[in-house]
């Protein structure tokens, strides 16, 4: 928390002054009572006093005083607020290895299913675009707020060959930059890439694409799918079949996230993938904003001062 007018904080020195004055008055009151009777006889003369509770009104009053001073100093805090408009590009890997069934029913179908759950987590005003990539990257769906179109585009993804990761990042960034808010500005943008392996083809190096995204303030979030037991079955001429091991290779995706300012997640099953999408939905759906919170302290100070004064007047029949 920061303060726009920190010099007012000097007024907090009044708190120990008031506290010291209270202690002096309490001691003077005790000495004054001792003039008329022996302290040992006082319990027989007067009823039981409030004890330590008599200090409660002052404590509430001082808390209100502190809150009031902090409010005058115009405090600022970083708060999380919902985004009104944003673009999220889903970069979906449709390479051959995504047909592996180590994540049920397959890596690609699990990614599609969880992507749909993710889309439901972000605000309805967000535009969602889809880029699919295998040996080349293509725009499967321009950014739109129509969730039906997003659902259809995800269902239509078909596995191919290769893994042009860098090209997918570049195409996602270029597409997002063409979007505009109602006031003509480029809305906040993020790319969510789902893949299981390192680069295999493409014209743009992943690190180069990540640096370009960072320069444009577009973070790339990556999700690495698959387990070390992933296998793809490929039919050969003559009716033969070969099993090709396709373990995930997270290094490239982790580099893309780190360089661009995003985060990388590794998941091995469908349930874990859903947790990641839920977290990302919350992350992308909010932004941090510096706001003045003077009204919070002012309202709290007024309430505390009223409570402290009320306790003194109606409970102990005196001012704090």
C-alpha atoms as a PDB file:
ATOM      1  CA  UNK A   1       0.000   0.000   0.000  1.00  0.00           C
ATOM      2  CA  UNK A   2       1.221   3.523  -0.821  1.00  0.00           C
ATOM      3  CA  UNK A   3       0.048   7.017   0.104  1.00  0.00           C
ATOM      4  CA  UNK A   4      -0.504  10.018  -2.137  1.00  0.00           C
ATOM      5  CA  UNK A   5      -0.120  12.474   0.776  1.00  0.00           C
ATOM      6  CA  UNK A   6       2.254  10.708   3.178  1.00  0.00           C
ATOM      7  CA  UNK A   7       2.985  13.863   5.233  1.00  0.00           C
ATOM      8  CA  UNK A   8      -0.381  13.452   6.919  1.00  0.00           C
ATOM      9  CA  UNK A   9       0.942  10.264   8.534  1.00  0.00           C
ATOM     10  CA  UNK A  10       2.797  12.523  10.990  1.00  0.00           C
ATOM     11  CA  UNK A  11      -0.587  13.006  12.638  1.00  0.00           C
ATOM     12  CA  UNK A  12      -0.340   9.418  13.873  1.00  0.00           C
ATOM     13  CA  UNK A  13       1.890  10.811  16.608  1.00  0.00           C
ATOM     14  CA  UNK A  14      -1.343  11.972  18.233  1.00  0.00           C
ATOM     15  CA  UNK A  15      -2.169   8.350  19.067  1.00  0.00           C
ATOM     16  CA  UNK A  16       0.551   7.838  21.712  1.00  0.00           C
ATOM     17  CA  UNK A  17      -0.195  11.342  23.042  1.00  0.00           C
ATOM     18  CA  UNK A  18      -3.860  10.463  23.604  1.00  0.00           C
ATOM     19  CA  UNK A  19      -2.866   7.128  25.113  1.00  0.00           C
ATOM     20  CA  UNK A  20      -0.433   8.783  27.515  1.00  0.00           C
ATOM     21  CA  UNK A  21      -3.062  11.339  28.542  1.00  0.00           C
ATOM     22  CA  UNK A  22      -5.511   8.521  29.220  1.00  0.00           C
ATOM     23  CA  UNK A  23      -3.011   6.698  31.451  1.00  0.00           C
ATOM     24  CA  UNK A  24      -2.352   9.886  33.406  1.00  0.00           C
ATOM     25  CA  UNK A  25      -6.094  10.490  33.916  1.00  0.00           C
ATOM     26  CA  UNK A  26      -6.645   6.886  35.045  1.00  0.00           C
ATOM     27  CA  UNK A  27      -3.900   7.172  37.669  1.00  0.00           C
ATOM     28  CA  UNK A  28      -5.213  10.545  38.851  1.00  0.00           C
ATOM     29  CA  UNK A  29      -8.695   9.063  39.182  1.00  0.00           C
ATOM     30  CA  UNK A  30      -7.368   6.209  41.330  1.00  0.00           C
ATOM     31  CA  UNK A  31      -5.497   8.610  43.617  1.00  0.00           C
ATOM     32  CA  UNK A  32      -8.592  10.815  43.926  1.00  0.00           C
ATOM     33  CA  UNK A  33     -10.704   7.844  45.038  1.00  0.00           C
ATOM     34  CA  UNK A  34      -8.107   6.823  47.614  1.00  0.00           C
ATOM     35  CA  UNK A  35      -8.606  10.144  49.467  1.00  0.00           C
ATOM     36  CA  UNK A  36     -12.069   9.136  50.694  1.00  0.00           C
ATOM     37  CA  UNK A  37     -11.582   5.485  51.645  1.00  0.00           C
ATOM     38  CA  UNK A  38      -9.010   2.810  52.035  1.00  0.00           C
ATOM     39  CA  UNK A  39      -8.572   0.862  48.785  1.00  0.00           C
ATOM     40  CA  UNK A  40      -9.129  -2.368  50.758  1.00  0.00           C
ATOM     41  CA  UNK A  41     -12.601  -1.179  51.802  1.00  0.00           C
ATOM     42  CA  UNK A  42     -13.758   0.016  48.355  1.00  0.00           C
ATOM     43  CA  UNK A  43     -15.185  -3.392  47.271  1.00  0.00           C
ATOM     44  CA  UNK A  44     -17.547  -3.232  50.245  1.00  0.00           C
ATOM     45  CA  UNK A  45     -18.719   0.276  49.357  1.00  0.00           C
ATOM     46  CA  UNK A  46     -19.234   0.108  45.559  1.00  0.00           C
ATOM     47  CA  UNK A  47     -20.329  -2.658  43.234  1.00  0.00           C
ATOM     48  CA  UNK A  48     -18.022  -4.523  40.876  1.00  0.00           C
ATOM     49  CA  UNK A  49     -16.466  -2.158  38.327  1.00  0.00           C
ATOM     50  CA  UNK A  50     -16.113  -2.827  34.584  1.00  0.00           C
ATOM     51  CA  UNK A  51     -12.516  -3.983  35.014  1.00  0.00           C
ATOM     52  CA  UNK A  52     -10.444  -4.129  31.856  1.00  0.00           C
ATOM     53  CA  UNK A  53     -13.533  -3.566  29.698  1.00  0.00           C
ATOM     54  CA  UNK A  54     -13.374   0.107  30.649  1.00  0.00           C
ATOM     55  CA  UNK A  55     -10.409   0.434  28.246  1.00  0.00           C
ATOM     56  CA  UNK A  56     -12.365  -0.935  25.261  1.00  0.00           C
ATOM     57  CA  UNK A  57     -14.000   2.371  24.192  1.00  0.00           C
ATOM     58  CA  UNK A  58     -10.607   4.065  24.082  1.00  0.00           C
ATOM     59  CA  UNK A  59      -9.129   1.215  22.023  1.00  0.00           C
ATOM     60  CA  UNK A  60     -11.984   1.518  19.494  1.00  0.00           C
ATOM     61  CA  UNK A  61     -11.640   5.306  19.479  1.00  0.00           C
ATOM     62  CA  UNK A  62      -7.889   5.106  18.797  1.00  0.00           C
ATOM     63  CA  UNK A  63      -8.441   2.582  15.998  1.00  0.00           C
ATOM     64  CA  UNK A  64     -10.897   5.023  14.418  1.00  0.00           C
ATOM     65  CA  UNK A  65      -8.386   7.847  14.802  1.00  0.00           C
ATOM     66  CA  UNK A  66      -5.693   5.787  13.047  1.00  0.00           C
ATOM     67  CA  UNK A  67      -8.090   4.908  10.216  1.00  0.00           C
ATOM     68  CA  UNK A  68      -9.039   8.570   9.827  1.00  0.00           C
ATOM     69  CA  UNK A  69      -5.411   9.689   9.569  1.00  0.00           C
ATOM     70  CA  UNK A  70      -4.639   6.959   7.035  1.00  0.00           C
ATOM     71  CA  UNK A  71      -7.642   8.046   4.995  1.00  0.00           C
ATOM     72  CA  UNK A  72      -6.496  11.678   4.944  1.00  0.00           C
ATOM     73  CA  UNK A  73      -3.112  10.461   3.621  1.00  0.00           C
ATOM     74  CA  UNK A  74      -5.020   9.104   0.570  1.00  0.00           C
ATOM     75  CA  UNK A  75      -3.941   5.449   0.533  1.00  0.00           C
ATOM     76  CA  UNK A  76      -3.583   3.490  -2.711  1.00  0.00           C
ATOM     77  CA  UNK A  77      -3.660  -0.277  -3.083  1.00  0.00           C
ATOM     78  CA  UNK A  78      -3.358  -2.754  -5.929  1.00  0.00           C
ATOM     79  CA  UNK A  79      -6.698  -4.509  -6.341  1.00  0.00           C
ATOM     80  CA  UNK A  80      -7.929  -7.181  -8.718  1.00  0.00           C
ATOM     81  CA  UNK A  81     -10.792  -6.025 -10.935  1.00  0.00           C
ATOM     82  CA  UNK A  82     -12.687  -7.813 -13.737  1.00  0.00           C
ATOM     83  CA  UNK A  83     -11.634  -7.031 -17.286  1.00  0.00           C
ATOM     84  CA  UNK A  84     -14.281  -5.511 -19.523  1.00  0.00           C
ATOM     85  CA  UNK A  85     -12.720  -6.466 -22.864  1.00  0.00           C
ATOM     86  CA  UNK A  86      -9.852  -8.746 -23.850  1.00  0.00           C
ATOM     87  CA  UNK A  87      -8.716 -11.166 -26.537  1.00  0.00           C
ATOM     88  CA  UNK A  88      -7.567 -14.697 -25.821  1.00  0.00           C
ATOM     89  CA  UNK A  89      -6.004 -16.694 -28.644  1.00  0.00           C
ATOM     90  CA  UNK A  90      -6.090 -20.474 -28.252  1.00  0.00           C
ATOM     91  CA  UNK A  91      -3.125 -22.012 -30.106  1.00  0.00           C
ATOM     92  CA  UNK A  92      -3.987 -25.702 -30.474  1.00  0.00           C
ATOM     93  CA  UNK A  93      -1.381 -28.293 -31.452  1.00  0.00           C
ATOM     94  CA  UNK A  94      -2.893 -30.732 -33.973  1.00  0.00           C
ATOM     95  CA  UNK A  95       0.316 -32.603 -34.826  1.00  0.00           C
ATOM     96  CA  UNK A  96       0.377 -36.394 -35.196  1.00  0.00           C
ATOM     97  CA  UNK A  97       1.547 -36.918 -31.607  1.00  0.00           C
ATOM     98  CA  UNK A  98      -1.669 -35.357 -30.324  1.00  0.00           C
ATOM     99  CA  UNK A  99      -3.450 -38.581 -31.344  1.00  0.00           C
ATOM    100  CA  UNK A 100      -1.746 -40.423 -28.457  1.00  0.00           C
ATOM    101  CA  UNK A 101      -4.257 -41.859 -25.994  1.00  0.00           C
ATOM    102  CA  UNK A 102      -2.182 -41.551 -22.808  1.00  0.00           C
ATOM    103  CA  UNK A 103      -4.543 -38.680 -21.926  1.00  0.00           C
ATOM    104  CA  UNK A 104      -8.036 -40.049 -22.489  1.00  0.00           C
ATOM    105  CA  UNK A 105      -9.657 -40.204 -24.960  1.00  0.00           C
ATOM    106  CA  UNK A 106      -6.682 -38.659 -26.764  1.00  0.00           C
ATOM    107  CA  UNK A 107      -4.410 -35.694 -26.154  1.00  0.00           C
ATOM    108  CA  UNK A 108      -6.196 -33.614 -28.771  1.00  0.00           C
ATOM    109  CA  UNK A 109      -9.737 -34.463 -27.653  1.00  0.00           C
ATOM    110  CA  UNK A 110      -8.834 -33.909 -24.002  1.00  0.00           C
ATOM    111  CA  UNK A 111      -7.383 -30.517 -24.917  1.00  0.00           C
ATOM    112  CA  UNK A 112     -10.516 -29.592 -26.871  1.00  0.00           C
ATOM    113  CA  UNK A 113     -12.799 -30.689 -24.048  1.00  0.00           C
ATOM    114  CA  UNK A 114     -10.893 -28.731 -21.439  1.00  0.00           C
ATOM    115  CA  UNK A 115     -10.627 -25.718 -23.771  1.00  0.00           C
ATOM    116  CA  UNK A 116     -14.393 -25.561 -23.893  1.00  0.00           C
ATOM    117  CA  UNK A 117     -14.478 -25.569 -20.094  1.00  0.00           C
ATOM    118  CA  UNK A 118     -11.918 -22.759 -20.094  1.00  0.00           C
ATOM    119  CA  UNK A 119     -14.003 -20.677 -22.497  1.00  0.00           C
ATOM    120  CA  UNK A 120     -16.875 -20.861 -20.021  1.00  0.00           C
ATOM    121  CA  UNK A 121     -14.638 -19.402 -17.294  1.00  0.00           C
ATOM    122  CA  UNK A 122     -13.738 -16.153 -19.042  1.00  0.00           C
ATOM    123  CA  UNK A 123     -16.175 -13.203 -19.279  1.00  0.00           C
ATOM    124  CA  UNK A 124     -18.718 -13.325 -22.097  1.00  0.00           C
ATOM    125  CA  UNK A 125     -17.377 -10.083 -23.608  1.00  0.00           C
ATOM    126  CA  UNK A 126     -13.966 -11.640 -24.214  1.00  0.00           C
ATOM    127  CA  UNK A 127     -13.143 -12.461 -27.825  1.00  0.00           C
ATOM    128  CA  UNK A 128     -11.794 -15.982 -28.309  1.00  0.00           C
ATOM    129  CA  UNK A 129      -9.747 -16.883 -31.388  1.00  0.00           C
ATOM    130  CA  UNK A 130      -8.292 -20.242 -32.399  1.00  0.00           C
ATOM    131  CA  UNK A 131      -5.050 -20.975 -34.228  1.00  0.00           C
ATOM    132  CA  UNK A 132      -4.301 -24.596 -35.082  1.00  0.00           C
ATOM    133  CA  UNK A 133      -0.803 -25.706 -35.961  1.00  0.00           C
ATOM    134  CA  UNK A 134       0.868 -28.780 -37.350  1.00  0.00           C
ATOM    135  CA  UNK A 135       3.421 -28.428 -40.185  1.00  0.00           C
ATOM    136  CA  UNK A 136       1.979 -24.909 -40.622  1.00  0.00           C
ATOM    137  CA  UNK A 137      -0.157 -22.566 -38.552  1.00  0.00           C
ATOM    138  CA  UNK A 138      -3.587 -21.487 -39.724  1.00  0.00           C
ATOM    139  CA  UNK A 139      -6.358 -19.330 -38.325  1.00  0.00           C
ATOM    140  CA  UNK A 140      -9.144 -21.753 -37.450  1.00  0.00           C
ATOM    141  CA  UNK A 141     -11.398 -19.021 -36.022  1.00  0.00           C
ATOM    142  CA  UNK A 142     -10.964 -15.230 -35.915  1.00  0.00           C
ATOM    143  CA  UNK A 143     -11.559 -13.745 -32.441  1.00  0.00           C
ATOM    144  CA  UNK A 144     -15.248 -13.717 -31.613  1.00  0.00           C
ATOM    145  CA  UNK A 145     -17.513 -13.489 -28.584  1.00  0.00           C
ATOM    146  CA  UNK A 146     -19.853 -16.113 -30.123  1.00  0.00           C
ATOM    147  CA  UNK A 147     -19.240 -19.183 -27.965  1.00  0.00           C
ATOM    148  CA  UNK A 148     -21.118 -21.437 -30.393  1.00  0.00           C
ATOM    149  CA  UNK A 149     -18.595 -20.673 -33.124  1.00  0.00           C
ATOM    150  CA  UNK A 150     -15.749 -21.392 -30.699  1.00  0.00           C
ATOM    151  CA  UNK A 151     -17.294 -24.753 -29.807  1.00  0.00           C
ATOM    152  CA  UNK A 152     -17.728 -25.694 -33.483  1.00  0.00           C
ATOM    153  CA  UNK A 153     -14.165 -24.696 -34.388  1.00  0.00           C
ATOM    154  CA  UNK A 154     -12.737 -26.814 -31.569  1.00  0.00           C
ATOM    155  CA  UNK A 155     -14.757 -29.834 -32.653  1.00  0.00           C
ATOM    156  CA  UNK A 156     -13.514 -29.490 -36.240  1.00  0.00           C
ATOM    157  CA  UNK A 157      -9.803 -29.766 -35.411  1.00  0.00           C
ATOM    158  CA  UNK A 158      -8.128 -32.702 -37.217  1.00  0.00           C
ATOM    159  CA  UNK A 159      -4.576 -33.992 -36.514  1.00  0.00           C
ATOM    160  CA  UNK A 160      -1.863 -33.332 -39.089  1.00  0.00           C
ATOM    161  CA  UNK A 161       1.949 -33.508 -39.283  1.00  0.00           C
ATOM    162  CA  UNK A 162       4.757 -31.384 -37.834  1.00  0.00           C
ATOM    163  CA  UNK A 163       4.768 -28.842 -35.005  1.00  0.00           C
ATOM    164  CA  UNK A 164       5.255 -25.245 -36.189  1.00  0.00           C
ATOM    165  CA  UNK A 165       5.205 -23.704 -32.718  1.00  0.00           C
ATOM    166  CA  UNK A 166       6.915 -20.415 -33.577  1.00  0.00           C
ATOM    167  CA  UNK A 167       4.608 -19.810 -36.542  1.00  0.00           C
ATOM    168  CA  UNK A 168       1.580 -20.424 -34.273  1.00  0.00           C
ATOM    169  CA  UNK A 169       2.770 -17.785 -31.803  1.00  0.00           C
ATOM    170  CA  UNK A 170       3.386 -15.257 -34.601  1.00  0.00           C
ATOM    171  CA  UNK A 171      -0.018 -15.845 -36.190  1.00  0.00           C
ATOM    172  CA  UNK A 172      -1.777 -15.612 -32.818  1.00  0.00           C
ATOM    173  CA  UNK A 173      -0.057 -12.300 -32.046  1.00  0.00           C
ATOM    174  CA  UNK A 174      -0.762 -10.796 -35.483  1.00  0.00           C
ATOM    175  CA  UNK A 175      -4.408 -11.804 -35.284  1.00  0.00           C
ATOM    176  CA  UNK A 176      -4.854 -10.370 -31.797  1.00  0.00           C
ATOM    177  CA  UNK A 177      -3.319  -7.022 -32.778  1.00  0.00           C
ATOM    178  CA  UNK A 178      -6.057  -6.517 -35.364  1.00  0.00           C
ATOM    179  CA  UNK A 179      -8.689  -6.413 -32.620  1.00  0.00           C
ATOM    180  CA  UNK A 180      -9.967  -3.104 -31.260  1.00  0.00           C
ATOM    181  CA  UNK A 181     -12.000  -2.056 -28.224  1.00  0.00           C
ATOM    182  CA  UNK A 182     -14.959   0.304 -28.404  1.00  0.00           C
ATOM    183  CA  UNK A 183     -12.585   3.280 -28.078  1.00  0.00           C
ATOM    184  CA  UNK A 184     -10.304   2.086 -30.881  1.00  0.00           C
ATOM    185  CA  UNK A 185      -7.480   0.642 -28.766  1.00  0.00           C
ATOM    186  CA  UNK A 186      -5.966  -2.832 -28.848  1.00  0.00           C
ATOM    187  CA  UNK A 187      -7.539  -4.739 -25.922  1.00  0.00           C
ATOM    188  CA  UNK A 188      -5.452  -6.700 -23.390  1.00  0.00           C
ATOM    189  CA  UNK A 189      -4.346  -9.906 -25.075  1.00  0.00           C
ATOM    190  CA  UNK A 190      -2.988 -13.293 -24.057  1.00  0.00           C
ATOM    191  CA  UNK A 191      -2.169 -16.471 -25.964  1.00  0.00           C
ATOM    192  CA  UNK A 192      -2.872 -19.904 -24.532  1.00  0.00           C
ATOM    193  CA  UNK A 193      -0.890 -22.622 -26.329  1.00  0.00           C
ATOM    194  CA  UNK A 194      -1.546 -26.325 -25.836  1.00  0.00           C
ATOM    195  CA  UNK A 195       1.046 -28.739 -27.174  1.00  0.00           C
ATOM    196  CA  UNK A 196       3.021 -31.827 -26.267  1.00  0.00           C
ATOM    197  CA  UNK A 197       6.363 -31.332 -27.921  1.00  0.00           C
ATOM    198  CA  UNK A 198       9.196 -29.267 -29.277  1.00  0.00           C
ATOM    199  CA  UNK A 199       9.359 -27.490 -32.616  1.00  0.00           C
ATOM    200  CA  UNK A 200       9.181 -29.643 -35.751  1.00  0.00           C
ATOM    201  CA  UNK A 201       9.165 -27.374 -38.799  1.00  0.00           C
ATOM    202  CA  UNK A 202       7.880 -23.860 -39.337  1.00  0.00           C
ATOM    203  CA  UNK A 203       9.607 -20.678 -40.482  1.00  0.00           C
ATOM    204  CA  UNK A 204       9.825 -18.785 -37.161  1.00  0.00           C
ATOM    205  CA  UNK A 205      11.960 -19.882 -34.231  1.00  0.00           C
ATOM    206  CA  UNK A 206       9.895 -20.177 -31.008  1.00  0.00           C
ATOM    207  CA  UNK A 207      12.291 -17.934 -29.040  1.00  0.00           C
ATOM    208  CA  UNK A 208      12.066 -15.223 -31.705  1.00  0.00           C
ATOM    209  CA  UNK A 209       8.274 -15.345 -31.654  1.00  0.00           C
ATOM    210  CA  UNK A 210       8.279 -15.204 -27.830  1.00  0.00           C
ATOM    211  CA  UNK A 211      10.491 -12.098 -27.794  1.00  0.00           C
ATOM    212  CA  UNK A 212       8.183 -10.431 -30.307  1.00  0.00           C
ATOM    213  CA  UNK A 213       5.178 -11.216 -28.099  1.00  0.00           C
ATOM    214  CA  UNK A 214       6.932  -9.802 -25.036  1.00  0.00           C
ATOM    215  CA  UNK A 215       7.745  -6.570 -26.893  1.00  0.00           C
ATOM    216  CA  UNK A 216       4.035  -6.206 -27.598  1.00  0.00           C
ATOM    217  CA  UNK A 217       3.087  -7.053 -23.973  1.00  0.00           C
ATOM    218  CA  UNK A 218       1.322 -10.270 -24.976  1.00  0.00           C
ATOM    219  CA  UNK A 219       2.100 -13.111 -22.526  1.00  0.00           C
ATOM    220  CA  UNK A 220       2.085 -16.683 -23.786  1.00  0.00           C
ATOM    221  CA  UNK A 221       0.672 -19.286 -21.402  1.00  0.00           C
ATOM    222  CA  UNK A 222       1.573 -22.852 -22.344  1.00  0.00           C
ATOM    223  CA  UNK A 223       0.204 -26.216 -21.310  1.00  0.00           C
ATOM    224  CA  UNK A 224       2.336 -29.297 -21.901  1.00  0.00           C
ATOM    225  CA  UNK A 225       0.163 -32.370 -22.461  1.00  0.00           C
ATOM    226  CA  UNK A 226       1.066 -36.037 -22.256  1.00  0.00           C
ATOM    227  CA  UNK A 227       3.026 -38.635 -20.334  1.00  0.00           C
ATOM    228  CA  UNK A 228       6.269 -40.488 -20.993  1.00  0.00           C
ATOM    229  CA  UNK A 229       4.171 -43.505 -22.060  1.00  0.00           C
ATOM    230  CA  UNK A 230       2.541 -41.739 -25.009  1.00  0.00           C
ATOM    231  CA  UNK A 231       2.393 -43.858 -28.190  1.00  0.00           C
ATOM    232  CA  UNK A 232       0.997 -43.200 -31.676  1.00  0.00           C
ATOM    233  CA  UNK A 233       0.032 -46.134 -33.916  1.00  0.00           C
ATOM    234  CA  UNK A 234       0.840 -45.575 -37.589  1.00  0.00           C
ATOM    235  CA  UNK A 235      -0.296 -47.857 -40.410  1.00  0.00           C
ATOM    236  CA  UNK A 236       2.281 -48.858 -43.030  1.00  0.00           C
ATOM    237  CA  UNK A 237       2.008 -50.220 -46.553  1.00  0.00           C
ATOM    238  CA  UNK A 238       1.166 -53.907 -46.632  1.00  0.00           C
ATOM    239  CA  UNK A 239      -1.048 -53.851 -43.557  1.00  0.00           C
ATOM    240  CA  UNK A 240       1.780 -53.429 -41.095  1.00  0.00           C
ATOM    241  CA  UNK A 241       1.617 -51.069 -38.120  1.00  0.00           C
ATOM    242  CA  UNK A 242       4.365 -49.326 -36.196  1.00  0.00           C
ATOM    243  CA  UNK A 243       4.164 -47.886 -32.692  1.00  0.00           C
ATOM    244  CA  UNK A 244       5.913 -44.523 -32.331  1.00  0.00           C
ATOM    245  CA  UNK A 245       6.734 -43.253 -28.846  1.00  0.00           C
ATOM    246  CA  UNK A 246       5.785 -39.596 -28.389  1.00  0.00           C
ATOM    247  CA  UNK A 247       6.774 -38.454 -24.870  1.00  0.00           C
ATOM    248  CA  UNK A 248       6.142 -34.772 -24.173  1.00  0.00           C
ATOM    249  CA  UNK A 249       8.999 -32.308 -24.625  1.00  0.00           C
ATOM    250  CA  UNK A 250       8.286 -29.293 -22.418  1.00  0.00           C
ATOM    251  CA  UNK A 251      11.523 -27.319 -22.834  1.00  0.00           C
ATOM    252  CA  UNK A 252      10.433 -25.267 -25.844  1.00  0.00           C
ATOM    253  CA  UNK A 253       7.058 -24.364 -24.353  1.00  0.00           C
ATOM    254  CA  UNK A 254       8.626 -23.433 -21.034  1.00  0.00           C
ATOM    255  CA  UNK A 255      11.047 -21.133 -22.857  1.00  0.00           C
ATOM    256  CA  UNK A 256       8.206 -19.458 -24.751  1.00  0.00           C
ATOM    257  CA  UNK A 257       6.311 -18.748 -21.526  1.00  0.00           C
ATOM    258  CA  UNK A 258       9.377 -17.524 -19.659  1.00  0.00           C
ATOM    259  CA  UNK A 259      10.553 -15.195 -22.434  1.00  0.00           C
ATOM    260  CA  UNK A 260       7.093 -13.735 -23.148  1.00  0.00           C
ATOM    261  CA  UNK A 261       6.170 -13.174 -19.502  1.00  0.00           C
ATOM    262  CA  UNK A 262       3.584 -15.938 -19.213  1.00  0.00           C
ATOM    263  CA  UNK A 263       3.494 -19.222 -17.304  1.00  0.00           C
ATOM    264  CA  UNK A 264       3.922 -22.855 -18.255  1.00  0.00           C
ATOM    265  CA  UNK A 265       1.916 -25.780 -16.874  1.00  0.00           C
ATOM    266  CA  UNK A 266       2.502 -29.510 -17.220  1.00  0.00           C
ATOM    267  CA  UNK A 267      -0.448 -31.890 -16.953  1.00  0.00           C
ATOM    268  CA  UNK A 268      -0.687 -35.636 -17.363  1.00  0.00           C
ATOM    269  CA  UNK A 269      -4.425 -36.272 -17.224  1.00  0.00           C
ATOM    270  CA  UNK A 270      -7.742 -34.688 -18.097  1.00  0.00           C
ATOM    271  CA  UNK A 271      -8.769 -33.815 -14.521  1.00  0.00           C
ATOM    272  CA  UNK A 272      -5.544 -31.879 -13.912  1.00  0.00           C
ATOM    273  CA  UNK A 273      -6.005 -30.062 -17.211  1.00  0.00           C
ATOM    274  CA  UNK A 274      -9.398 -28.798 -16.073  1.00  0.00           C
ATOM    275  CA  UNK A 275      -7.824 -27.342 -12.929  1.00  0.00           C
ATOM    276  CA  UNK A 276      -5.304 -25.432 -15.050  1.00  0.00           C
ATOM    277  CA  UNK A 277      -8.015 -24.000 -17.279  1.00  0.00           C
ATOM    278  CA  UNK A 278     -10.012 -22.873 -14.262  1.00  0.00           C
ATOM    279  CA  UNK A 279      -6.954 -21.081 -12.873  1.00  0.00           C
ATOM    280  CA  UNK A 280      -6.172 -19.461 -16.216  1.00  0.00           C
ATOM    281  CA  UNK A 281      -9.773 -18.370 -16.633  1.00  0.00           C
ATOM    282  CA  UNK A 282      -9.536 -16.451 -13.356  1.00  0.00           C
ATOM    283  CA  UNK A 283      -6.083 -15.105 -14.211  1.00  0.00           C
ATOM    284  CA  UNK A 284      -7.028 -13.773 -17.636  1.00  0.00           C
ATOM    285  CA  UNK A 285     -10.436 -12.551 -16.504  1.00  0.00           C
ATOM    286  CA  UNK A 286      -9.001 -10.069 -13.989  1.00  0.00           C
ATOM    287  CA  UNK A 287      -6.346  -7.404 -13.967  1.00  0.00           C
ATOM    288  CA  UNK A 288      -4.456  -5.590 -11.230  1.00  0.00           C
ATOM    289  CA  UNK A 289      -5.235  -1.900 -10.893  1.00  0.00           C
ATOM    290  CA  UNK A 290      -3.869   0.787  -8.585  1.00  0.00           C
ATOM    291  CA  UNK A 291      -6.835   2.433  -6.864  1.00  0.00           C
ATOM    292  CA  UNK A 292      -7.295   5.037  -4.166  1.00  0.00           C
ATOM    293  CA  UNK A 293      -9.084   3.485  -1.188  1.00  0.00           C
ATOM    294  CA  UNK A 294      -9.623   6.616   0.903  1.00  0.00           C
ATOM    295  CA  UNK A 295     -13.356   5.901   1.074  1.00  0.00           C
ATOM    296  CA  UNK A 296     -12.702   2.560   2.774  1.00  0.00           C
ATOM    297  CA  UNK A 297     -10.625   4.147   5.543  1.00  0.00           C
ATOM    298  CA  UNK A 298     -12.998   7.106   5.879  1.00  0.00           C
ATOM    299  CA  UNK A 299     -16.004   4.838   6.291  1.00  0.00           C
ATOM    300  CA  UNK A 300     -14.155   2.598   8.737  1.00  0.00           C
ATOM    301  CA  UNK A 301     -12.983   5.593  10.771  1.00  0.00           C
ATOM    302  CA  UNK A 302     -16.498   7.006  11.015  1.00  0.00           C
ATOM    303  CA  UNK A 303     -17.892   3.655  12.133  1.00  0.00           C
ATOM    304  CA  UNK A 304     -15.187   3.075  14.738  1.00  0.00           C
ATOM    305  CA  UNK A 305     -15.529   6.587  16.190  1.00  0.00           C
ATOM    306  CA  UNK A 306     -19.304   6.186  16.452  1.00  0.00           C
ATOM    307  CA  UNK A 307     -18.972   2.784  18.106  1.00  0.00           C
ATOM    308  CA  UNK A 308     -16.340   4.027  20.543  1.00  0.00           C
ATOM    309  CA  UNK A 309     -18.368   7.098  21.467  1.00  0.00           C
ATOM    310  CA  UNK A 310     -21.542   5.060  21.802  1.00  0.00           C
ATOM    311  CA  UNK A 311     -19.885   2.557  24.126  1.00  0.00           C
ATOM    312  CA  UNK A 312     -18.622   5.331  26.372  1.00  0.00           C
ATOM    313  CA  UNK A 313     -21.920   7.216  26.539  1.00  0.00           C
ATOM    314  CA  UNK A 314     -24.386   4.341  26.888  1.00  0.00           C
ATOM    315  CA  UNK A 315     -22.278   1.622  28.500  1.00  0.00           C
ATOM    316  CA  UNK A 316     -20.005   3.513  30.905  1.00  0.00           C
ATOM    317  CA  UNK A 317     -21.886   6.840  30.923  1.00  0.00           C
ATOM    318  CA  UNK A 318     -18.758   8.813  30.119  1.00  0.00           C
ATOM    319  CA  UNK A 319     -16.638   9.950  27.226  1.00  0.00           C
ATOM    320  CA  UNK A 320     -13.524   7.926  26.330  1.00  0.00           C
END
